[in-house]
Protein backbone atom coordinates (compact mmCIF):
# COMPACT_ATOMS: atom_id res chain seq x y z
CA MET A 1 108.73 24.66 -136.59
CA TYR A 2 108.28 27.45 -134.07
CA VAL A 3 107.29 31.01 -134.99
CA ASN A 4 107.25 33.55 -132.16
CA GLY A 5 107.06 30.71 -129.65
CA GLU A 6 104.09 28.99 -131.33
CA GLU A 7 104.49 25.58 -132.95
CA ILE A 8 103.31 25.43 -136.56
CA THR A 9 103.54 22.88 -139.37
CA LEU A 10 105.24 23.87 -142.60
CA LYS A 11 102.96 23.12 -145.54
CA SER A 12 105.89 22.78 -147.95
CA THR A 13 109.60 23.43 -148.30
CA GLN A 14 110.00 27.16 -148.83
CA SER A 15 112.34 30.07 -148.39
CA LEU A 16 112.08 32.39 -145.44
CA GLU A 17 110.93 35.14 -147.82
CA ALA A 18 108.15 32.95 -149.27
CA PHE A 19 107.04 32.01 -145.75
CA LEU A 20 106.87 35.65 -144.66
CA LEU A 21 104.97 36.74 -147.77
CA GLY A 22 102.61 33.76 -147.51
CA ASN A 23 101.80 34.71 -143.92
CA ALA A 24 101.04 38.37 -144.69
CA TYR A 25 104.27 39.83 -143.30
CA ASP A 26 105.64 42.93 -145.04
CA VAL A 27 109.24 41.84 -145.65
CA LYS A 28 110.32 45.48 -145.73
CA ARG A 29 108.98 46.08 -142.20
CA VAL A 30 110.16 43.03 -140.24
CA ALA A 31 113.24 41.83 -138.45
CA VAL A 32 113.77 38.07 -138.27
CA GLU A 33 115.79 35.93 -135.90
CA TYR A 34 116.39 32.49 -137.42
CA ASN A 35 117.60 29.78 -135.04
CA GLY A 36 119.05 32.42 -132.74
CA SER A 37 120.72 34.64 -135.37
CA VAL A 38 119.42 37.86 -136.90
CA VAL A 39 118.96 37.49 -140.67
CA PRO A 40 119.83 40.36 -143.02
CA ARG A 41 116.85 41.19 -145.23
CA ALA A 42 118.97 40.47 -148.33
CA ASP A 43 119.24 36.83 -147.20
CA PHE A 44 115.51 36.14 -146.71
CA ASP A 45 115.32 34.36 -150.08
CA LYS A 46 118.47 32.28 -149.43
CA ILE A 47 117.26 30.49 -146.28
CA GLN A 48 115.24 27.29 -146.78
CA LEU A 49 113.05 26.54 -143.77
CA LEU A 50 112.91 23.15 -142.06
CA GLU A 51 110.48 21.72 -139.51
CA SER A 52 113.24 21.91 -136.87
CA ASP A 53 113.73 25.68 -137.29
CA SER A 54 112.73 28.48 -134.94
CA LEU A 55 111.80 32.02 -136.02
CA GLU A 56 111.15 35.19 -134.12
CA VAL A 57 109.52 37.81 -136.33
CA VAL A 58 109.23 41.40 -135.15
CA CYS A 59 107.14 43.89 -137.13
CA PHE A 60 108.06 47.57 -137.17
CA VAL A 61 105.15 49.87 -136.51
CA GLY A 62 105.16 53.59 -137.22
CA GLY A 63 103.32 56.15 -135.22
CA GLY A 64 103.65 59.30 -133.35
């Protein structure tokens, strides 16, 4: 599986939401592209990740 262009190995079958939480992403502050399509936050728990998948995860950062 690729995450932000880097190849990783999935440790187990898991949802996108479980993957994000397990990798210290704040699911309320990210946008995710899954295999070329933007995923609505409400669907993070519905997508089951596979080794052949590709993710782009963008974190929102506040500031001023």
